mmCIF file of all heavy atoms, coordinates in Angstrom:
data_MODEL
# 
_entry.id   MODEL 
# 
loop_
_atom_site.group_PDB 
_atom_site.id 
_atom_site.type_symbol 
_atom_site.label_atom_id 
_atom_site.label_alt_id 
_atom_site.label_comp_id 
_atom_site.label_asym_id 
_atom_site.label_entity_id 
_atom_site.label_seq_id 
_atom_site.pdbx_PDB_ins_code 
_atom_site.Cartn_x 
_atom_site.Cartn_y 
_atom_site.Cartn_z 
_atom_site.occupancy 
_atom_site.B_iso_or_equiv 
_atom_site.pdbx_formal_charge 
_atom_site.auth_seq_id 
_atom_site.auth_comp_id 
_atom_site.auth_asym_id 
_atom_site.auth_atom_id 
_atom_site.pdbx_PDB_model_num 
ATOM 1   N N   . LYS A 1 1  ? 0.830  -1.208 0.000  1.00 0.00 ? 1  LYS A N   1 
ATOM 2   C CA  . LYS A 1 1  ? 0.000  0.000  0.000  1.00 0.00 ? 1  LYS A CA  1 
ATOM 3   C C   . LYS A 1 1  ? 0.866  1.261  0.000  1.00 0.00 ? 1  LYS A C   1 
ATOM 4   O O   . LYS A 1 1  ? 0.435  2.324  -0.428 1.00 0.00 ? 1  LYS A O   1 
ATOM 5   C CB  . LYS A 1 1  ? -0.924 0.010  1.225  1.00 0.00 ? 1  LYS A CB  1 
ATOM 6   C CG  . LYS A 1 1  ? -2.009 -1.057 1.179  1.00 0.00 ? 1  LYS A CG  1 
ATOM 7   C CD  . LYS A 1 1  ? -2.876 -0.992 2.424  1.00 0.00 ? 1  LYS A CD  1 
ATOM 8   C CE  . LYS A 1 1  ? -3.965 -2.056 2.384  1.00 0.00 ? 1  LYS A CE  1 
ATOM 9   N NZ  . LYS A 1 1  ? -4.792 -2.038 3.616  1.00 0.00 ? 1  LYS A NZ  1 
ATOM 10  N N   . ARG A 1 2  ? 2.078  1.113  0.490  1.00 0.00 ? 2  ARG A N   1 
ATOM 11  C CA  . ARG A 1 2  ? 3.004  2.254  0.526  1.00 0.00 ? 2  ARG A CA  1 
ATOM 12  C C   . ARG A 1 2  ? 3.677  2.413  -0.842 1.00 0.00 ? 2  ARG A C   1 
ATOM 13  O O   . ARG A 1 2  ? 4.291  1.489  -1.355 1.00 0.00 ? 2  ARG A O   1 
ATOM 14  C CB  . ARG A 1 2  ? 4.056  2.029  1.606  1.00 0.00 ? 2  ARG A CB  1 
ATOM 15  C CG  . ARG A 1 2  ? 5.063  3.160  1.744  1.00 0.00 ? 2  ARG A CG  1 
ATOM 16  C CD  . ARG A 1 2  ? 6.080  2.793  2.810  1.00 0.00 ? 2  ARG A CD  1 
ATOM 17  N NE  . ARG A 1 2  ? 7.170  3.757  2.866  1.00 0.00 ? 2  ARG A NE  1 
ATOM 18  C CZ  . ARG A 1 2  ? 8.431  3.424  3.105  1.00 0.00 ? 2  ARG A CZ  1 
ATOM 19  N NH1 . ARG A 1 2  ? 8.763  2.149  3.287  1.00 0.00 ? 2  ARG A NH1 1 
ATOM 20  N NH2 . ARG A 1 2  ? 9.366  4.346  3.148  1.00 0.00 ? 2  ARG A NH2 1 
ATOM 21  N N   . ARG A 1 3  ? 3.540  3.595  -1.406 1.00 0.00 ? 3  ARG A N   1 
ATOM 22  C CA  . ARG A 1 3  ? 4.164  3.900  -2.693 1.00 0.00 ? 3  ARG A CA  1 
ATOM 23  C C   . ARG A 1 3  ? 4.973  5.178  -2.538 1.00 0.00 ? 3  ARG A C   1 
ATOM 24  O O   . ARG A 1 3  ? 4.591  6.061  -1.778 1.00 0.00 ? 3  ARG A O   1 
ATOM 25  C CB  . ARG A 1 3  ? 3.114  4.031  -3.793 1.00 0.00 ? 3  ARG A CB  1 
ATOM 26  C CG  . ARG A 1 3  ? 2.286  2.749  -3.905 1.00 0.00 ? 3  ARG A CG  1 
ATOM 27  C CD  . ARG A 1 3  ? 1.366  2.724  -5.053 1.00 0.00 ? 3  ARG A CD  1 
ATOM 28  N NE  . ARG A 1 3  ? 0.624  1.468  -5.082 1.00 0.00 ? 3  ARG A NE  1 
ATOM 29  C CZ  . ARG A 1 3  ? 0.344  0.785  -6.173 1.00 0.00 ? 3  ARG A CZ  1 
ATOM 30  N NH1 . ARG A 1 3  ? 0.746  1.232  -7.351 1.00 0.00 ? 3  ARG A NH1 1 
ATOM 31  N NH2 . ARG A 1 3  ? -0.325 -0.346 -6.127 1.00 0.00 ? 3  ARG A NH2 1 
ATOM 32  N N   . MET A 1 4  ? 6.061  5.246  -3.288 1.00 0.00 ? 4  MET A N   1 
ATOM 33  C CA  . MET A 1 4  ? 6.995  6.356  -3.076 1.00 0.00 ? 4  MET A CA  1 
ATOM 34  C C   . MET A 1 4  ? 7.343  7.058  -4.383 1.00 0.00 ? 4  MET A C   1 
ATOM 35  O O   . MET A 1 4  ? 7.182  6.501  -5.467 1.00 0.00 ? 4  MET A O   1 
ATOM 36  C CB  . MET A 1 4  ? 8.261  5.828  -2.409 1.00 0.00 ? 4  MET A CB  1 
ATOM 37  C CG  . MET A 1 4  ? 8.031  5.235  -1.030 1.00 0.00 ? 4  MET A CG  1 
ATOM 38  S SD  . MET A 1 4  ? 9.544  4.591  -0.261 1.00 0.00 ? 4  MET A SD  1 
ATOM 39  C CE  . MET A 1 4  ? 9.851  3.142  -1.273 1.00 0.00 ? 4  MET A CE  1 
ATOM 40  N N   . VAL A 1 5  ? 7.811  8.284  -4.234 1.00 0.00 ? 5  VAL A N   1 
ATOM 41  C CA  . VAL A 1 5  ? 8.328  9.079  -5.349 1.00 0.00 ? 5  VAL A CA  1 
ATOM 42  C C   . VAL A 1 5  ? 9.695  9.606  -4.949 1.00 0.00 ? 5  VAL A C   1 
ATOM 43  O O   . VAL A 1 5  ? 9.874  10.083 -3.817 1.00 0.00 ? 5  VAL A O   1 
ATOM 44  C CB  . VAL A 1 5  ? 7.391  10.263 -5.684 1.00 0.00 ? 5  VAL A CB  1 
ATOM 45  C CG1 . VAL A 1 5  ? 8.043  11.179 -6.722 1.00 0.00 ? 5  VAL A CG1 1 
ATOM 46  C CG2 . VAL A 1 5  ? 6.053  9.761  -6.190 1.00 0.00 ? 5  VAL A CG2 1 
ATOM 47  N N   . TYR A 1 6  ? 10.658 9.502  -5.842 1.00 0.00 ? 6  TYR A N   1 
ATOM 48  C CA  . TYR A 1 6  ? 11.970 10.097 -5.609 1.00 0.00 ? 6  TYR A CA  1 
ATOM 49  C C   . TYR A 1 6  ? 11.953 11.493 -6.200 1.00 0.00 ? 6  TYR A C   1 
ATOM 50  O O   . TYR A 1 6  ? 11.868 11.672 -7.420 1.00 0.00 ? 6  TYR A O   1 
ATOM 51  C CB  . TYR A 1 6  ? 13.070 9.254  -6.263 1.00 0.00 ? 6  TYR A CB  1 
ATOM 52  C CG  . TYR A 1 6  ? 14.461 9.775  -5.983 1.00 0.00 ? 6  TYR A CG  1 
ATOM 53  C CD1 . TYR A 1 6  ? 15.083 9.528  -4.756 1.00 0.00 ? 6  TYR A CD1 1 
ATOM 54  C CD2 . TYR A 1 6  ? 15.156 10.516 -6.939 1.00 0.00 ? 6  TYR A CD2 1 
ATOM 55  C CE1 . TYR A 1 6  ? 16.361 10.011 -4.488 1.00 0.00 ? 6  TYR A CE1 1 
ATOM 56  C CE2 . TYR A 1 6  ? 16.432 10.993 -6.679 1.00 0.00 ? 6  TYR A CE2 1 
ATOM 57  C CZ  . TYR A 1 6  ? 17.032 10.733 -5.457 1.00 0.00 ? 6  TYR A CZ  1 
ATOM 58  O OH  . TYR A 1 6  ? 18.297 11.207 -5.200 1.00 0.00 ? 6  TYR A OH  1 
ATOM 59  N N   . VAL A 1 7  ? 12.016 12.481 -5.333 1.00 0.00 ? 7  VAL A N   1 
ATOM 60  C CA  . VAL A 1 7  ? 11.967 13.874 -5.767 1.00 0.00 ? 7  VAL A CA  1 
ATOM 61  C C   . VAL A 1 7  ? 12.711 14.716 -4.741 1.00 0.00 ? 7  VAL A C   1 
ATOM 62  O O   . VAL A 1 7  ? 12.697 14.408 -3.539 1.00 0.00 ? 7  VAL A O   1 
ATOM 63  C CB  . VAL A 1 7  ? 10.507 14.356 -5.936 1.00 0.00 ? 7  VAL A CB  1 
ATOM 64  C CG1 . VAL A 1 7  ? 9.749  14.362 -4.621 1.00 0.00 ? 7  VAL A CG1 1 
ATOM 65  C CG2 . VAL A 1 7  ? 10.449 15.724 -6.599 1.00 0.00 ? 7  VAL A CG2 1 
ATOM 66  N N   . GLY A 1 8  ? 13.400 15.749 -5.205 1.00 0.00 ? 8  GLY A N   1 
ATOM 67  C CA  . GLY A 1 8  ? 14.168 16.573 -4.290 1.00 0.00 ? 8  GLY A CA  1 
ATOM 68  C C   . GLY A 1 8  ? 15.296 15.817 -3.630 1.00 0.00 ? 8  GLY A C   1 
ATOM 69  O O   . GLY A 1 8  ? 15.683 16.120 -2.492 1.00 0.00 ? 8  GLY A O   1 
ATOM 70  N N   . GLY A 1 9  ? 15.828 14.788 -4.340 1.00 0.00 ? 9  GLY A N   1 
ATOM 71  C CA  . GLY A 1 9  ? 16.961 14.023 -3.825 1.00 0.00 ? 9  GLY A CA  1 
ATOM 72  C C   . GLY A 1 9  ? 16.629 13.036 -2.742 1.00 0.00 ? 9  GLY A C   1 
ATOM 73  O O   . GLY A 1 9  ? 17.528 12.479 -2.096 1.00 0.00 ? 9  GLY A O   1 
ATOM 74  N N   . LYS A 1 10 ? 15.320 12.739 -2.517 1.00 0.00 ? 10 LYS A N   1 
ATOM 75  C CA  . LYS A 1 10 ? 14.926 11.797 -1.469 1.00 0.00 ? 10 LYS A CA  1 
ATOM 76  C C   . LYS A 1 10 ? 13.744 10.941 -1.924 1.00 0.00 ? 10 LYS A C   1 
ATOM 77  O O   . LYS A 1 10 ? 12.939 11.368 -2.759 1.00 0.00 ? 10 LYS A O   1 
ATOM 78  C CB  . LYS A 1 10 ? 14.501 12.543 -0.195 1.00 0.00 ? 10 LYS A CB  1 
ATOM 79  C CG  . LYS A 1 10 ? 15.608 13.279 0.520  1.00 0.00 ? 10 LYS A CG  1 
ATOM 80  C CD  . LYS A 1 10 ? 15.055 13.944 1.782  1.00 0.00 ? 10 LYS A CD  1 
ATOM 81  C CE  . LYS A 1 10 ? 16.150 14.698 2.523  1.00 0.00 ? 10 LYS A CE  1 
ATOM 82  N NZ  . LYS A 1 10 ? 15.612 15.363 3.751  1.00 0.00 ? 10 LYS A NZ  1 
ATOM 83  N N   . LEU A 1 11 ? 13.650 9.751  -1.337 1.00 0.00 ? 11 LEU A N   1 
ATOM 84  C CA  . LEU A 1 11 ? 12.439 8.943  -1.486 1.00 0.00 ? 11 LEU A CA  1 
ATOM 85  C C   . LEU A 1 11 ? 11.393 9.470  -0.518 1.00 0.00 ? 11 LEU A C   1 
ATOM 86  O O   . LEU A 1 11 ? 11.657 9.597  0.688  1.00 0.00 ? 11 LEU A O   1 
ATOM 87  C CB  . LEU A 1 11 ? 12.721 7.475  -1.177 1.00 0.00 ? 11 LEU A CB  1 
ATOM 88  C CG  . LEU A 1 11 ? 13.272 6.612  -2.310 1.00 0.00 ? 11 LEU A CG  1 
ATOM 89  C CD1 . LEU A 1 11 ? 13.577 5.205  -1.807 1.00 0.00 ? 11 LEU A CD1 1 
ATOM 90  C CD2 . LEU A 1 11 ? 12.310 6.561  -3.491 1.00 0.00 ? 11 LEU A CD2 1 
ATOM 91  N N   . ARG A 1 12 ? 10.200 9.759  -1.039 1.00 0.00 ? 12 ARG A N   1 
ATOM 92  C CA  . ARG A 1 12 ? 9.131  10.318 -0.212 1.00 0.00 ? 12 ARG A CA  1 
ATOM 93  C C   . ARG A 1 12 ? 7.862  9.495  -0.425 1.00 0.00 ? 12 ARG A C   1 
ATOM 94  O O   . ARG A 1 12 ? 7.529  9.143  -1.550 1.00 0.00 ? 12 ARG A O   1 
ATOM 95  C CB  . ARG A 1 12 ? 8.903  11.787 -0.576 1.00 0.00 ? 12 ARG A CB  1 
ATOM 96  C CG  . ARG A 1 12 ? 10.179 12.635 -0.471 1.00 0.00 ? 12 ARG A CG  1 
ATOM 97  C CD  . ARG A 1 12 ? 9.987  14.017 -1.055 1.00 0.00 ? 12 ARG A CD  1 
ATOM 98  N NE  . ARG A 1 12 ? 11.249 14.717 -1.202 1.00 0.00 ? 12 ARG A NE  1 
ATOM 99  C CZ  . ARG A 1 12 ? 11.806 15.500 -0.274 1.00 0.00 ? 12 ARG A CZ  1 
ATOM 100 N NH1 . ARG A 1 12 ? 11.178 15.673 0.892  1.00 0.00 ? 12 ARG A NH1 1 
ATOM 101 N NH2 . ARG A 1 12 ? 12.961 16.099 -0.488 1.00 0.00 ? 12 ARG A NH2 1 
ATOM 102 N N   . THR A 1 13 ? 7.167  9.218  0.676  1.00 0.00 ? 13 THR A N   1 
ATOM 103 C CA  . THR A 1 13 ? 5.975  8.377  0.611  1.00 0.00 ? 13 THR A CA  1 
ATOM 104 C C   . THR A 1 13 ? 4.782  9.172  0.092  1.00 0.00 ? 13 THR A C   1 
ATOM 105 O O   . THR A 1 13 ? 4.526  10.295 0.545  1.00 0.00 ? 13 THR A O   1 
ATOM 106 C CB  . THR A 1 13 ? 5.651  7.806  2.006  1.00 0.00 ? 13 THR A CB  1 
ATOM 107 O OG1 . THR A 1 13 ? 6.760  7.019  2.442  1.00 0.00 ? 13 THR A OG1 1 
ATOM 108 C CG2 . THR A 1 13 ? 4.405  6.937  1.961  1.00 0.00 ? 13 THR A CG2 1 
ATOM 109 N N   . VAL A 1 14 ? 4.063  8.584  -0.842 1.00 0.00 ? 14 VAL A N   1 
ATOM 110 C CA  . VAL A 1 14 ? 2.856  9.209  -1.388 1.00 0.00 ? 14 VAL A CA  1 
ATOM 111 C C   . VAL A 1 14 ? 1.738  9.094  -0.355 1.00 0.00 ? 14 VAL A C   1 
ATOM 112 O O   . VAL A 1 14 ? 1.490  8.000  0.166  1.00 0.00 ? 14 VAL A O   1 
ATOM 113 C CB  . VAL A 1 14 ? 2.435  8.517  -2.703 1.00 0.00 ? 14 VAL A CB  1 
ATOM 114 C CG1 . VAL A 1 14 ? 1.118  9.089  -3.227 1.00 0.00 ? 14 VAL A CG1 1 
ATOM 115 C CG2 . VAL A 1 14 ? 3.535  8.667  -3.749 1.00 0.00 ? 14 VAL A CG2 1 
ATOM 116 N N   . PRO A 1 15 ? 1.058  10.173 -0.026 1.00 0.00 ? 15 PRO A N   1 
ATOM 117 C CA  . PRO A 1 15 ? -0.024 10.100 0.963  1.00 0.00 ? 15 PRO A CA  1 
ATOM 118 C C   . PRO A 1 15 ? -1.107 9.108  0.535  1.00 0.00 ? 15 PRO A C   1 
ATOM 119 O O   . PRO A 1 15 ? -1.559 9.124  -0.603 1.00 0.00 ? 15 PRO A O   1 
ATOM 120 C CB  . PRO A 1 15 ? -0.576 11.526 0.998  1.00 0.00 ? 15 PRO A CB  1 
ATOM 121 C CG  . PRO A 1 15 ? 0.520  12.384 0.465  1.00 0.00 ? 15 PRO A CG  1 
ATOM 122 C CD  . PRO A 1 15 ? 1.250  11.546 -0.527 1.00 0.00 ? 15 PRO A CD  1 
ATOM 123 N N   . ALA A 1 16 ? -1.508 8.256  1.462  1.00 0.00 ? 16 ALA A N   1 
ATOM 124 C CA  . ALA A 1 16 ? -2.536 7.260  1.161  1.00 0.00 ? 16 ALA A CA  1 
ATOM 125 C C   . ALA A 1 16 ? -3.869 7.620  1.785  1.00 0.00 ? 16 ALA A C   1 
ATOM 126 O O   . ALA A 1 16 ? -4.866 6.926  1.587  1.00 0.00 ? 16 ALA A O   1 
ATOM 127 C CB  . ALA A 1 16 ? -2.086 5.886  1.662  1.00 0.00 ? 16 ALA A CB  1 
ATOM 128 N N   . GLY A 1 17 ? -3.920 8.694  2.548  1.00 0.00 ? 17 GLY A N   1 
ATOM 129 C CA  . GLY A 1 17 ? -5.162 9.101  3.201  1.00 0.00 ? 17 GLY A CA  1 
ATOM 130 C C   . GLY A 1 17 ? -4.967 10.424 3.913  1.00 0.00 ? 17 GLY A C   1 
ATOM 131 O O   . GLY A 1 17 ? -3.862 10.976 3.935  1.00 0.00 ? 17 GLY A O   1 
ATOM 132 N N   . PRO A 1 18 ? -6.031 10.957 4.530  1.00 0.00 ? 18 PRO A N   1 
ATOM 133 C CA  . PRO A 1 18 ? -5.957 12.272 5.187  1.00 0.00 ? 18 PRO A CA  1 
ATOM 134 C C   . PRO A 1 18 ? -4.863 12.358 6.241  1.00 0.00 ? 18 PRO A C   1 
ATOM 135 O O   . PRO A 1 18 ? -4.153 13.358 6.331  1.00 0.00 ? 18 PRO A O   1 
ATOM 136 C CB  . PRO A 1 18 ? -7.346 12.433 5.814  1.00 0.00 ? 18 PRO A CB  1 
ATOM 137 C CG  . PRO A 1 18 ? -8.236 11.556 4.993  1.00 0.00 ? 18 PRO A CG  1 
ATOM 138 C CD  . PRO A 1 18 ? -7.390 10.395 4.573  1.00 0.00 ? 18 PRO A CD  1 
ATOM 139 N N   . GLY A 1 19 ? -4.682 11.293 7.022  1.00 0.00 ? 19 GLY A N   1 
ATOM 140 C CA  . GLY A 1 19 ? -3.671 11.320 8.071  1.00 0.00 ? 19 GLY A CA  1 
ATOM 141 C C   . GLY A 1 19 ? -2.268 11.444 7.511  1.00 0.00 ? 19 GLY A C   1 
ATOM 142 O O   . GLY A 1 19 ? -1.480 12.300 7.950  1.00 0.00 ? 19 GLY A O   1 
ATOM 143 N N   . SER A 1 20 ? -1.939 10.610 6.543  1.00 0.00 ? 20 SER A N   1 
ATOM 144 C CA  . SER A 1 20 ? -0.598 10.657 5.957  1.00 0.00 ? 20 SER A CA  1 
ATOM 145 C C   . SER A 1 20 ? -0.409 11.911 5.118  1.00 0.00 ? 20 SER A C   1 
ATOM 146 O O   . SER A 1 20 ? 0.716  12.384 4.930  1.00 0.00 ? 20 SER A O   1 
ATOM 147 C CB  . SER A 1 20 ? -0.345 9.409  5.112  1.00 0.00 ? 20 SER A CB  1 
ATOM 148 O OG  . SER A 1 20 ? -1.323 9.278  4.093  1.00 0.00 ? 20 SER A OG  1 
ATOM 149 N N   . PHE A 1 21 ? -1.503 12.479 4.620  1.00 0.00 ? 21 PHE A N   1 
ATOM 150 C CA  . PHE A 1 21 ? -1.423 13.722 3.859  1.00 0.00 ? 21 PHE A CA  1 
ATOM 151 C C   . PHE A 1 21 ? -0.884 14.843 4.739  1.00 0.00 ? 21 PHE A C   1 
ATOM 152 O O   . PHE A 1 21 ? -0.102 15.686 4.306  1.00 0.00 ? 21 PHE A O   1 
ATOM 153 C CB  . PHE A 1 21 ? -2.805 14.086 3.316  1.00 0.00 ? 21 PHE A CB  1 
ATOM 154 C CG  . PHE A 1 21 ? -2.873 15.421 2.641  1.00 0.00 ? 21 PHE A CG  1 
ATOM 155 C CD1 . PHE A 1 21 ? -2.431 15.582 1.340  1.00 0.00 ? 21 PHE A CD1 1 
ATOM 156 C CD2 . PHE A 1 21 ? -3.380 16.531 3.306  1.00 0.00 ? 21 PHE A CD2 1 
ATOM 157 C CE1 . PHE A 1 21 ? -2.486 16.827 0.713  1.00 0.00 ? 21 PHE A CE1 1 
ATOM 158 C CE2 . PHE A 1 21 ? -3.441 17.767 2.700  1.00 0.00 ? 21 PHE A CE2 1 
ATOM 159 C CZ  . PHE A 1 21 ? -2.991 17.913 1.390  1.00 0.00 ? 21 PHE A CZ  1 
ATOM 160 N N   . LEU A 1 22 ? -1.272 14.842 6.005  1.00 0.00 ? 22 LEU A N   1 
ATOM 161 C CA  . LEU A 1 22 ? -0.836 15.899 6.910  1.00 0.00 ? 22 LEU A CA  1 
ATOM 162 C C   . LEU A 1 22 ? 0.644  15.775 7.256  1.00 0.00 ? 22 LEU A C   1 
ATOM 163 O O   . LEU A 1 22 ? 1.319  16.780 7.496  1.00 0.00 ? 22 LEU A O   1 
ATOM 164 C CB  . LEU A 1 22 ? -1.667 15.857 8.200  1.00 0.00 ? 22 LEU A CB  1 
ATOM 165 C CG  . LEU A 1 22 ? -3.155 16.206 8.054  1.00 0.00 ? 22 LEU A CG  1 
ATOM 166 C CD1 . LEU A 1 22 ? -3.887 15.949 9.363  1.00 0.00 ? 22 LEU A CD1 1 
ATOM 167 C CD2 . LEU A 1 22 ? -3.326 17.662 7.618  1.00 0.00 ? 22 LEU A CD2 1 
ATOM 168 N N   . THR A 1 23 ? 1.166  14.546 7.274  1.00 0.00 ? 23 THR A N   1 
ATOM 169 C CA  . THR A 1 23 ? 2.536  14.342 7.735  1.00 0.00 ? 23 THR A CA  1 
ATOM 170 C C   . THR A 1 23 ? 3.540  14.126 6.606  1.00 0.00 ? 23 THR A C   1 
ATOM 171 O O   . THR A 1 23 ? 4.739  14.121 6.849  1.00 0.00 ? 23 THR A O   1 
ATOM 172 C CB  . THR A 1 23 ? 2.593  13.116 8.662  1.00 0.00 ? 23 THR A CB  1 
ATOM 173 O OG1 . THR A 1 23 ? 2.127  11.951 7.958  1.00 0.00 ? 23 THR A OG1 1 
ATOM 174 C CG2 . THR A 1 23 ? 1.721  13.326 9.892  1.00 0.00 ? 23 THR A CG2 1 
ATOM 175 N N   . THR A 1 24 ? 3.084  13.968 5.378  1.00 0.00 ? 24 THR A N   1 
ATOM 176 C CA  . THR A 1 24 ? 4.004  13.666 4.282  1.00 0.00 ? 24 THR A CA  1 
ATOM 177 C C   . THR A 1 24 ? 5.009  14.781 4.047  1.00 0.00 ? 24 THR A C   1 
ATOM 178 O O   . THR A 1 24 ? 4.697  15.969 4.216  1.00 0.00 ? 24 THR A O   1 
ATOM 179 C CB  . THR A 1 24 ? 3.234  13.395 2.973  1.00 0.00 ? 24 THR A CB  1 
ATOM 180 O OG1 . THR A 1 24 ? 4.181  13.052 1.955  1.00 0.00 ? 24 THR A OG1 1 
ATOM 181 C CG2 . THR A 1 24 ? 2.474  14.624 2.507  1.00 0.00 ? 24 THR A CG2 1 
ATOM 182 N N   . ASN A 1 25 ? 6.224  14.391 3.637  1.00 0.00 ? 25 ASN A N   1 
ATOM 183 C CA  . ASN A 1 25 ? 7.225  15.387 3.236  1.00 0.00 ? 25 ASN A CA  1 
ATOM 184 C C   . ASN A 1 25 ? 7.302  15.494 1.717  1.00 0.00 ? 25 ASN A C   1 
ATOM 185 O O   . ASN A 1 25 ? 8.221  16.115 1.187  1.00 0.00 ? 25 ASN A O   1 
ATOM 186 C CB  . ASN A 1 25 ? 8.602  15.044 3.811  1.00 0.00 ? 25 ASN A CB  1 
ATOM 187 C CG  . ASN A 1 25 ? 9.147  13.729 3.257  1.00 0.00 ? 25 ASN A CG  1 
ATOM 188 O OD1 . ASN A 1 25 ? 8.469  13.006 2.530  1.00 0.00 ? 25 ASN A OD1 1 
ATOM 189 N ND2 . ASN A 1 25 ? 10.383 13.411 3.602  1.00 0.00 ? 25 ASN A ND2 1 
# 
């Protein structure tokens, strides 16, 4: 369920819901 994007020189987790949307980098 966890999917990531490499951007800005880092792997970053794609928000999967409202909670993770608030904490995502």
